[in-house]
Amino acid sequence: MGAPADHLHAWLRDAHAREEQAVTMLTSQSATLENYPDLEARIDKHLQETRDQIVMLDRCLERIGGASTIKDITGRIVAFGQGLSGLFVNDEVVKGSLASYTFEQMEIASYKILIAAAEYAGDQETKRVCEAILQQELAMAQWLDEHAATLTRKFLERDQQGMTAKH
């Protein structure tokens, strides 16, 4: 059996790796959204939030033992592959939004788990950090949810009119 702090540390490393993966995914997605300025602006905002989240998670990890560079590298490779996959589909903006929404839901669940684990382990600073990050993830998921129909309609209109709808 592991100590609660050991599990918390492992889960923080996982969250750190996911945020590194998110930076790669969001950067790739943002670069292809010239015809969707609202989505591009929101992605760029969340990209900066994600970079800030990495710094906050780094501080938590430094306090309890350090990050896992192997997990971070693996996450980046997976995200790079996901970014490349958009090159081969004609509806990358819609599929990218779907993937982003799904990823946000995974992050939301992860931060809820981290909050509970930090509280159980008595790590109030990590709990506070994870609560702050959770609010940003919830806001991004809500934005994507609220704009899914509009984004889909815009894609379909552009596609039907023979305009570049892909990005």
N, C-alpha and C. Protein backbone atom coordinates (compact mmCIF):
# COMPACT_ATOMS: atom_id res chain seq x y z
N MET A 1 0.85 -1.19 0.00
CA MET A 1 0.00 0.00 0.00
C MET A 1 0.88 1.24 0.00
N GLY A 2 0.45 2.22 -0.79
CA GLY A 2 1.17 3.47 -0.83
C GLY A 2 0.55 4.49 0.11
N ALA A 3 1.36 5.41 0.54
CA ALA A 3 0.87 6.50 1.37
C ALA A 3 0.05 7.45 0.50
N PRO A 4 -0.94 8.12 1.09
CA PRO A 4 -1.73 9.09 0.31
C PRO A 4 -0.86 10.12 -0.41
N ALA A 5 0.20 10.57 0.23
CA ALA A 5 1.08 11.56 -0.40
C ALA A 5 1.78 10.98 -1.63
N ASP A 6 2.08 9.68 -1.61
CA ASP A 6 2.70 9.04 -2.77
C ASP A 6 1.74 9.02 -3.96
N HIS A 7 0.49 8.70 -3.70
CA HIS A 7 -0.51 8.72 -4.77
C HIS A 7 -0.71 10.14 -5.29
N LEU A 8 -0.79 11.09 -4.37
CA LEU A 8 -0.95 12.49 -4.77
C LEU A 8 0.20 12.90 -5.67
N HIS A 9 1.42 12.56 -5.30
CA HIS A 9 2.59 12.91 -6.10
C HIS A 9 2.51 12.30 -7.50
N ALA A 10 2.14 11.04 -7.59
CA ALA A 10 2.02 10.38 -8.89
C ALA A 10 0.93 11.04 -9.73
N TRP A 11 -0.19 11.37 -9.11
CA TRP A 11 -1.29 11.99 -9.86
C TRP A 11 -0.96 13.42 -10.27
N LEU A 12 -0.17 14.10 -9.47
CA LEU A 12 0.30 15.44 -9.88
C LEU A 12 1.23 15.34 -11.09
N ARG A 13 2.09 14.34 -11.10
CA ARG A 13 2.96 14.13 -12.27
C ARG A 13 2.12 13.85 -13.52
N ASP A 14 1.07 13.05 -13.34
CA ASP A 14 0.17 12.78 -14.47
C ASP A 14 -0.49 14.06 -14.96
N ALA A 15 -0.97 14.88 -14.03
CA ALA A 15 -1.62 16.15 -14.40
C ALA A 15 -0.63 17.06 -15.12
N HIS A 16 0.59 17.09 -14.63
CA HIS A 16 1.63 17.91 -15.27
C HIS A 16 1.85 17.44 -16.71
N ALA A 17 1.94 16.14 -16.91
CA ALA A 17 2.14 15.59 -18.25
C ALA A 17 0.95 15.92 -19.15
N ARG A 18 -0.27 15.86 -18.60
CA ARG A 18 -1.46 16.21 -19.39
C ARG A 18 -1.44 17.68 -19.80
N GLU A 19 -1.00 18.54 -18.89
CA GLU A 19 -0.94 19.96 -19.24
C GLU A 19 0.12 20.22 -20.30
N GLU A 20 1.24 19.51 -20.24
CA GLU A 20 2.24 19.62 -21.31
C GLU A 20 1.64 19.15 -22.63
N GLN A 21 0.88 18.09 -22.58
CA GLN A 21 0.20 17.58 -23.78
C GLN A 21 -0.80 18.63 -24.29
N ALA A 22 -1.50 19.26 -23.37
CA ALA A 22 -2.48 20.28 -23.75
C ALA A 22 -1.81 21.45 -24.46
N VAL A 23 -0.64 21.86 -24.01
CA VAL A 23 0.07 22.97 -24.67
C VAL A 23 0.33 22.61 -26.13
N THR A 24 0.81 21.41 -26.37
CA THR A 24 1.08 20.98 -27.74
C THR A 24 -0.19 20.95 -28.57
N MET A 25 -1.26 20.38 -28.00
CA MET A 25 -2.53 20.28 -28.72
C MET A 25 -3.11 21.67 -29.02
N LEU A 26 -3.13 22.53 -28.01
CA LEU A 26 -3.72 23.86 -28.18
C LEU A 26 -2.92 24.70 -29.16
N THR A 27 -1.60 24.60 -29.11
CA THR A 27 -0.75 25.34 -30.04
C THR A 27 -1.03 24.90 -31.47
N SER A 28 -1.10 23.60 -31.67
CA SER A 28 -1.39 23.06 -33.00
C SER A 28 -2.77 23.51 -33.48
N GLN A 29 -3.74 23.42 -32.60
CA GLN A 29 -5.10 23.80 -32.97
C GLN A 29 -5.20 25.29 -33.29
N SER A 30 -4.60 26.13 -32.48
CA SER A 30 -4.68 27.57 -32.68
C SER A 30 -4.10 27.99 -34.02
N ALA A 31 -3.05 27.31 -34.44
CA ALA A 31 -2.36 27.67 -35.68
C ALA A 31 -3.22 27.44 -36.92
N THR A 32 -4.34 26.73 -36.78
CA THR A 32 -5.14 26.39 -37.96
C THR A 32 -6.54 27.00 -37.92
N LEU A 33 -6.75 28.04 -37.13
CA LEU A 33 -8.11 28.55 -36.94
C LEU A 33 -8.34 29.95 -37.51
N GLU A 34 -7.69 30.27 -38.60
CA GLU A 34 -7.82 31.64 -39.12
C GLU A 34 -9.25 32.01 -39.50
N ASN A 35 -10.09 31.07 -39.83
CA ASN A 35 -11.48 31.37 -40.19
C ASN A 35 -12.45 31.27 -39.03
N TYR A 36 -11.92 31.04 -37.84
CA TYR A 36 -12.74 30.89 -36.63
C TYR A 36 -12.12 31.75 -35.52
N PRO A 37 -12.19 33.08 -35.65
CA PRO A 37 -11.47 33.96 -34.72
C PRO A 37 -11.93 33.84 -33.26
N ASP A 38 -13.21 33.58 -33.02
CA ASP A 38 -13.66 33.44 -31.63
C ASP A 38 -13.05 32.21 -30.97
N LEU A 39 -13.05 31.10 -31.70
CA LEU A 39 -12.45 29.88 -31.18
C LEU A 39 -10.94 30.06 -31.01
N GLU A 40 -10.31 30.68 -31.99
CA GLU A 40 -8.86 30.91 -31.90
C GLU A 40 -8.52 31.75 -30.67
N ALA A 41 -9.29 32.80 -30.40
CA ALA A 41 -9.04 33.66 -29.25
C ALA A 41 -9.21 32.89 -27.94
N ARG A 42 -10.25 32.05 -27.88
CA ARG A 42 -10.49 31.29 -26.64
C ARG A 42 -9.43 30.21 -26.45
N ILE A 43 -9.02 29.59 -27.54
CA ILE A 43 -7.94 28.60 -27.46
C ILE A 43 -6.66 29.28 -26.98
N ASP A 44 -6.35 30.44 -27.54
CA ASP A 44 -5.13 31.16 -27.15
C ASP A 44 -5.17 31.56 -25.67
N LYS A 45 -6.34 31.98 -25.20
CA LYS A 45 -6.48 32.33 -23.78
C LYS A 45 -6.22 31.10 -22.92
N HIS A 46 -6.81 29.98 -23.31
CA HIS A 46 -6.63 28.77 -22.51
C HIS A 46 -5.20 28.24 -22.63
N LEU A 47 -4.57 28.48 -23.75
CA LEU A 47 -3.17 28.10 -23.91
C LEU A 47 -2.31 28.81 -22.87
N GLN A 48 -2.55 30.11 -22.68
CA GLN A 48 -1.79 30.85 -21.66
C GLN A 48 -2.14 30.35 -20.26
N GLU A 49 -3.42 30.07 -20.02
CA GLU A 49 -3.81 29.51 -18.72
C GLU A 49 -3.09 28.19 -18.48
N THR A 50 -3.00 27.38 -19.52
CA THR A 50 -2.36 26.06 -19.40
C THR A 50 -0.88 26.21 -19.09
N ARG A 51 -0.23 27.15 -19.74
CA ARG A 51 1.19 27.40 -19.44
C ARG A 51 1.35 27.84 -17.98
N ASP A 52 0.44 28.68 -17.50
CA ASP A 52 0.48 29.10 -16.10
C ASP A 52 0.19 27.93 -15.16
N GLN A 53 -0.69 27.03 -15.57
CA GLN A 53 -1.00 25.85 -14.77
C GLN A 53 0.23 24.97 -14.61
N ILE A 54 1.00 24.85 -15.67
CA ILE A 54 2.23 24.04 -15.61
C ILE A 54 3.17 24.61 -14.56
N VAL A 55 3.29 25.94 -14.53
CA VAL A 55 4.16 26.58 -13.53
C VAL A 55 3.63 26.29 -12.12
N MET A 56 2.32 26.38 -11.94
CA MET A 56 1.74 26.11 -10.62
C MET A 56 1.97 24.65 -10.21
N LEU A 57 1.77 23.73 -11.16
CA LEU A 57 2.00 22.32 -10.86
C LEU A 57 3.48 22.04 -10.60
N ASP A 58 4.36 22.72 -11.33
CA ASP A 58 5.80 22.58 -11.08
C ASP A 58 6.12 22.93 -9.63
N ARG A 59 5.54 24.02 -9.15
CA ARG A 59 5.80 24.45 -7.76
C ARG A 59 5.31 23.39 -6.77
N CYS A 60 4.14 22.83 -7.03
CA CYS A 60 3.62 21.77 -6.15
C CYS A 60 4.55 20.57 -6.18
N LEU A 61 4.98 20.18 -7.36
CA LEU A 61 5.86 19.02 -7.49
C LEU A 61 7.22 19.27 -6.86
N GLU A 62 7.73 20.48 -6.99
CA GLU A 62 9.02 20.80 -6.38
C GLU A 62 8.95 20.67 -4.86
N ARG A 63 7.81 21.05 -4.30
CA ARG A 63 7.64 20.94 -2.86
C ARG A 63 7.65 19.48 -2.40
N ILE A 64 7.20 18.56 -3.28
CA ILE A 64 7.06 17.17 -2.83
C ILE A 64 7.89 16.17 -3.63
N GLY A 65 8.75 16.64 -4.54
CA GLY A 65 9.63 15.66 -5.16
C GLY A 65 9.91 15.71 -6.64
N GLY A 66 9.35 16.63 -7.40
CA GLY A 66 9.72 16.77 -8.80
C GLY A 66 8.77 16.17 -9.81
N ALA A 67 8.89 16.62 -11.07
CA ALA A 67 8.03 16.21 -12.18
C ALA A 67 8.63 15.00 -12.90
N SER A 68 7.82 14.39 -13.73
CA SER A 68 8.27 13.25 -14.53
C SER A 68 8.46 13.71 -15.96
N THR A 69 9.71 13.84 -16.39
CA THR A 69 9.96 14.28 -17.75
C THR A 69 9.57 13.22 -18.77
N ILE A 70 9.63 11.95 -18.40
CA ILE A 70 9.24 10.89 -19.34
C ILE A 70 7.76 11.02 -19.68
N LYS A 71 6.92 11.21 -18.67
CA LYS A 71 5.49 11.37 -18.92
C LYS A 71 5.23 12.63 -19.74
N ASP A 72 5.96 13.72 -19.44
CA ASP A 72 5.78 14.95 -20.20
C ASP A 72 6.13 14.74 -21.67
N ILE A 73 7.23 14.08 -21.93
CA ILE A 73 7.66 13.83 -23.31
C ILE A 73 6.65 12.94 -24.03
N THR A 74 6.20 11.90 -23.35
CA THR A 74 5.20 11.01 -23.95
C THR A 74 3.93 11.78 -24.30
N GLY A 75 3.49 12.64 -23.39
CA GLY A 75 2.30 13.45 -23.64
C GLY A 75 2.47 14.35 -24.84
N ARG A 76 3.64 14.93 -24.97
CA ARG A 76 3.89 15.81 -26.12
C ARG A 76 3.88 15.04 -27.43
N ILE A 77 4.45 13.85 -27.42
CA ILE A 77 4.47 13.03 -28.64
C ILE A 77 3.05 12.66 -29.05
N VAL A 78 2.23 12.26 -28.09
CA VAL A 78 0.84 11.92 -28.38
C VAL A 78 0.11 13.13 -28.94
N ALA A 79 0.30 14.29 -28.31
CA ALA A 79 -0.37 15.51 -28.78
C ALA A 79 0.10 15.90 -30.18
N PHE A 80 1.38 15.74 -30.46
CA PHE A 80 1.90 16.05 -31.79
C PHE A 80 1.23 15.17 -32.83
N GLY A 81 1.09 13.88 -32.50
CA GLY A 81 0.41 12.96 -33.41
C GLY A 81 -1.04 13.36 -33.64
N GLN A 82 -1.70 13.81 -32.58
CA GLN A 82 -3.08 14.26 -32.72
C GLN A 82 -3.14 15.50 -33.62
N GLY A 83 -2.17 16.38 -33.48
CA GLY A 83 -2.12 17.57 -34.32
C GLY A 83 -1.92 17.22 -35.78
N LEU A 84 -1.06 16.26 -36.04
CA LEU A 84 -0.83 15.83 -37.42
C LEU A 84 -2.07 15.18 -38.02
N SER A 85 -2.85 14.51 -37.21
CA SER A 85 -4.03 13.82 -37.74
C SER A 85 -5.01 14.81 -38.36
N GLY A 86 -4.99 16.06 -37.92
CA GLY A 86 -5.86 17.08 -38.49
C GLY A 86 -5.51 17.42 -39.93
N LEU A 87 -4.31 17.10 -40.34
CA LEU A 87 -3.90 17.39 -41.71
C LEU A 87 -4.64 16.52 -42.72
N PHE A 88 -5.19 15.41 -42.25
CA PHE A 88 -5.77 14.43 -43.16
C PHE A 88 -7.29 14.38 -43.13
N VAL A 89 -7.91 15.31 -42.43
CA VAL A 89 -9.37 15.34 -42.38
C VAL A 89 -9.84 16.71 -42.86
N ASN A 90 -11.04 16.76 -43.41
CA ASN A 90 -11.52 18.04 -43.91
C ASN A 90 -12.39 18.76 -42.89
N ASP A 91 -12.61 18.17 -41.74
CA ASP A 91 -13.43 18.79 -40.71
C ASP A 91 -12.65 18.94 -39.39
N GLU A 92 -11.37 19.29 -39.51
CA GLU A 92 -10.51 19.33 -38.34
C GLU A 92 -10.99 20.30 -37.27
N VAL A 93 -11.65 21.38 -37.65
CA VAL A 93 -12.10 22.35 -36.65
C VAL A 93 -13.17 21.74 -35.76
N VAL A 94 -14.08 20.98 -36.35
CA VAL A 94 -15.14 20.34 -35.57
C VAL A 94 -14.55 19.21 -34.72
N LYS A 95 -13.74 18.38 -35.33
CA LYS A 95 -13.14 17.27 -34.57
C LYS A 95 -12.18 17.79 -33.50
N GLY A 96 -11.50 18.88 -33.79
CA GLY A 96 -10.61 19.48 -32.79
C GLY A 96 -11.39 20.01 -31.60
N SER A 97 -12.53 20.61 -31.86
CA SER A 97 -13.36 21.10 -30.76
C SER A 97 -13.90 19.94 -29.93
N LEU A 98 -14.30 18.88 -30.60
CA LEU A 98 -14.77 17.69 -29.90
C LEU A 98 -13.66 17.11 -29.02
N ALA A 99 -12.47 17.00 -29.58
CA ALA A 99 -11.34 16.47 -28.82
C ALA A 99 -11.01 17.39 -27.63
N SER A 100 -11.07 18.69 -27.85
CA SER A 100 -10.78 19.63 -26.77
C SER A 100 -11.80 19.51 -25.65
N TYR A 101 -13.06 19.40 -26.01
CA TYR A 101 -14.11 19.27 -25.00
C TYR A 101 -13.92 17.98 -24.20
N THR A 102 -13.62 16.90 -24.89
CA THR A 102 -13.38 15.62 -24.22
C THR A 102 -12.18 15.71 -23.30
N PHE A 103 -11.11 16.34 -23.77
CA PHE A 103 -9.90 16.49 -22.98
C PHE A 103 -10.19 17.33 -21.73
N GLU A 104 -10.98 18.39 -21.89
CA GLU A 104 -11.34 19.23 -20.73
C GLU A 104 -12.09 18.41 -19.68
N GLN A 105 -12.99 17.55 -20.12
CA GLN A 105 -13.74 16.73 -19.16
C GLN A 105 -12.81 15.80 -18.40
N MET A 106 -11.81 15.25 -19.07
CA MET A 106 -10.83 14.41 -18.39
C MET A 106 -10.04 15.23 -17.37
N GLU A 107 -9.65 16.44 -17.76
CA GLU A 107 -8.91 17.29 -16.83
C GLU A 107 -9.77 17.68 -15.63
N ILE A 108 -11.02 17.97 -15.85
CA ILE A 108 -11.94 18.32 -14.76
C ILE A 108 -12.00 17.18 -13.75
N ALA A 109 -12.19 15.97 -14.24
CA ALA A 109 -12.25 14.81 -13.35
C ALA A 109 -10.92 14.64 -12.61
N SER A 110 -9.82 14.83 -13.31
CA SER A 110 -8.50 14.69 -12.72
C SER A 110 -8.29 15.69 -11.58
N TYR A 111 -8.68 16.94 -11.80
CA TYR A 111 -8.47 17.95 -10.75
C TYR A 111 -9.40 17.74 -9.57
N LYS A 112 -10.58 17.20 -9.80
CA LYS A 112 -11.45 16.86 -8.67
C LYS A 112 -10.81 15.76 -7.82
N ILE A 113 -10.22 14.78 -8.47
CA ILE A 113 -9.51 13.72 -7.76
C ILE A 113 -8.31 14.29 -7.00
N LEU A 114 -7.56 15.15 -7.65
CA LEU A 114 -6.39 15.76 -7.00
C LEU A 114 -6.78 16.58 -5.78
N ILE A 115 -7.88 17.30 -5.88
CA ILE A 115 -8.36 18.11 -4.74
C ILE A 115 -8.67 17.20 -3.56
N ALA A 116 -9.39 16.12 -3.83
CA ALA A 116 -9.74 15.18 -2.75
C ALA A 116 -8.48 14.54 -2.16
N ALA A 117 -7.54 14.15 -3.03
CA ALA A 117 -6.31 13.52 -2.55
C ALA A 117 -5.46 14.50 -1.75
N ALA A 118 -5.35 15.73 -2.22
CA ALA A 118 -4.57 16.73 -1.49
C ALA A 118 -5.18 17.01 -0.12
N GLU A 119 -6.49 17.09 -0.09
CA GLU A 119 -7.16 17.31 1.19
C GLU A 119 -6.89 16.13 2.13
N TYR A 120 -7.03 14.93 1.63
CA TYR A 120 -6.80 13.74 2.44
C TYR A 120 -5.36 13.67 2.94
N ALA A 121 -4.42 14.06 2.08
CA ALA A 121 -3.00 14.02 2.43
C ALA A 121 -2.57 15.21 3.28
N GLY A 122 -3.47 16.17 3.47
CA GLY A 122 -3.14 17.34 4.28
C GLY A 122 -2.30 18.38 3.55
N ASP A 123 -2.31 18.37 2.23
CA ASP A 123 -1.53 19.32 1.42
C ASP A 123 -2.46 20.44 0.95
N GLN A 124 -2.61 21.43 1.79
CA GLN A 124 -3.55 22.51 1.51
C GLN A 124 -3.13 23.39 0.33
N GLU A 125 -1.82 23.56 0.12
CA GLU A 125 -1.35 24.37 -1.00
C GLU A 125 -1.67 23.70 -2.33
N THR A 126 -1.42 22.41 -2.41
CA THR A 126 -1.76 21.68 -3.64
C THR A 126 -3.27 21.70 -3.86
N LYS A 127 -4.04 21.56 -2.82
CA LYS A 127 -5.50 21.63 -2.93
C LYS A 127 -5.92 22.98 -3.50
N ARG A 128 -5.34 24.05 -2.97
CA ARG A 128 -5.67 25.40 -3.44
C ARG A 128 -5.32 25.57 -4.92
N VAL A 129 -4.15 25.11 -5.31
CA VAL A 129 -3.71 25.21 -6.71
C VAL A 129 -4.66 24.43 -7.62
N CYS A 130 -4.99 23.22 -7.23
CA CYS A 130 -5.87 22.38 -8.05
C CYS A 130 -7.28 22.96 -8.14
N GLU A 131 -7.75 23.58 -7.08
CA GLU A 131 -9.06 24.24 -7.13
C GLU A 131 -9.06 25.40 -8.12
N ALA A 132 -7.96 26.17 -8.14
CA ALA A 132 -7.85 27.28 -9.09
C ALA A 132 -7.80 26.76 -10.53
N ILE A 133 -7.02 25.73 -10.77
CA ILE A 133 -6.92 25.15 -12.11
C ILE A 133 -8.27 24.57 -12.54
N LEU A 134 -8.94 23.90 -11.62
CA LEU A 134 -10.25 23.32 -11.92
C LEU A 134 -11.21 24.38 -12.45
N GLN A 135 -11.21 25.55 -11.87
CA GLN A 135 -12.11 26.61 -12.33
C GLN A 135 -11.82 27.00 -13.78
N GLN A 136 -10.55 27.04 -14.15
CA GLN A 136 -10.18 27.36 -15.53
C GLN A 136 -10.62 26.26 -16.49
N GLU A 137 -10.46 25.02 -16.08
CA GLU A 137 -10.87 23.90 -16.93
C GLU A 137 -12.38 23.87 -17.10
N LEU A 138 -13.10 24.14 -16.02
CA LEU A 138 -14.56 24.21 -16.10
C LEU A 138 -15.01 25.32 -17.04
N ALA A 139 -14.35 26.47 -16.96
CA ALA A 139 -14.70 27.60 -17.83
C ALA A 139 -14.45 27.28 -19.30
N MET A 140 -13.34 26.61 -19.59
CA MET A 140 -13.04 26.25 -20.98
C MET A 140 -14.05 25.24 -21.49
N ALA A 141 -14.36 24.24 -20.69
CA ALA A 141 -15.35 23.24 -21.11
C ALA A 141 -16.70 23.88 -21.35
N GLN A 142 -17.07 24.81 -20.48
CA GLN A 142 -18.36 25.49 -20.64
C GLN A 142 -18.37 26.31 -21.93
N TRP A 143 -17.28 27.00 -22.23
CA TRP A 143 -17.20 27.79 -23.45
C TRP A 143 -17.36 26.88 -24.67
N LEU A 144 -16.63 25.80 -24.68
CA LEU A 144 -16.73 24.86 -25.81
C LEU A 144 -18.14 24.31 -25.95
N ASP A 145 -18.76 23.98 -24.83
CA ASP A 145 -20.12 23.47 -24.84
C ASP A 145 -21.09 24.51 -25.40
N GLU A 146 -20.97 25.74 -24.94
CA GLU A 146 -21.88 26.80 -25.37
C GLU A 146 -21.70 27.19 -26.83
N HIS A 147 -20.53 26.95 -27.39
CA HIS A 147 -20.24 27.37 -28.76
C HIS A 147 -20.21 26.23 -29.78
N ALA A 148 -20.47 25.02 -29.33
CA ALA A 148 -20.39 23.86 -30.24
C ALA A 148 -21.35 23.98 -31.41
N ALA A 149 -22.58 24.35 -31.16
CA ALA A 149 -23.56 24.44 -32.25
C ALA A 149 -23.20 25.54 -33.23
N THR A 150 -22.81 26.70 -32.72
CA THR A 150 -22.44 27.83 -33.59
C THR A 150 -21.23 27.47 -34.45
N LEU A 151 -20.24 26.86 -33.85
CA LEU A 151 -19.05 26.46 -34.57
C LEU A 151 -19.39 25.44 -35.66
N THR A 152 -20.23 24.48 -35.33
CA THR A 152 -20.63 23.46 -36.30
C THR A 152 -21.38 24.08 -37.47
N ARG A 153 -22.31 24.99 -37.17
CA ARG A 153 -23.05 25.66 -38.24
C ARG A 153 -22.12 26.47 -39.14
N LYS A 154 -21.17 27.18 -38.54
CA LYS A 154 -20.23 27.98 -39.33
C LYS A 154 -19.41 27.07 -40.23
N PHE A 155 -18.94 25.95 -39.70
CA PHE A 155 -18.20 25.00 -40.52
C PHE A 155 -19.05 24.53 -41.69
N LEU A 156 -20.29 24.11 -41.42
CA LEU A 156 -21.17 23.58 -42.47
C LEU A 156 -21.50 24.65 -43.52
N GLU A 157 -21.72 25.88 -43.08
CA GLU A 157 -21.99 26.97 -44.03
C GLU A 157 -20.80 27.21 -44.94
N ARG A 158 -19.61 27.31 -44.35
CA ARG A 158 -18.40 27.54 -45.15
C ARG A 158 -18.18 26.39 -46.13
N ASP A 159 -18.37 25.17 -45.65
CA ASP A 159 -18.17 24.01 -46.49
C ASP A 159 -19.17 24.00 -47.65
N GLN A 160 -20.42 24.28 -47.34
CA GLN A 160 -21.47 24.28 -48.38
C GLN A 160 -21.22 25.37 -49.42
N GLN A 161 -20.66 26.48 -49.01
CA GLN A 161 -20.40 27.59 -49.93
C GLN A 161 -19.08 27.41 -50.69
N GLY A 162 -18.41 26.30 -50.45
CA GLY A 162 -17.16 26.04 -51.16
C GLY A 162 -15.97 26.84 -50.60
N MET A 163 -16.16 27.43 -49.43
CA MET A 163 -15.08 28.19 -48.80
C MET A 163 -14.22 27.22 -47.98
N THR A 164 -13.05 27.66 -47.60
CA THR A 164 -12.21 26.84 -46.75
C THR A 164 -12.90 26.73 -45.40
N ALA A 165 -13.38 25.55 -45.10
CA ALA A 165 -14.08 25.32 -43.83
C ALA A 165 -13.19 24.59 -42.84
N LYS A 166 -12.16 23.94 -43.37
CA LYS A 166 -11.30 23.08 -42.55
C LYS A 166 -10.71 23.84 -41.37
N HIS A 167 -10.25 25.05 -41.58
CA HIS A 167 -9.58 25.81 -40.52
C HIS A 167 -9.86 27.28 -40.59
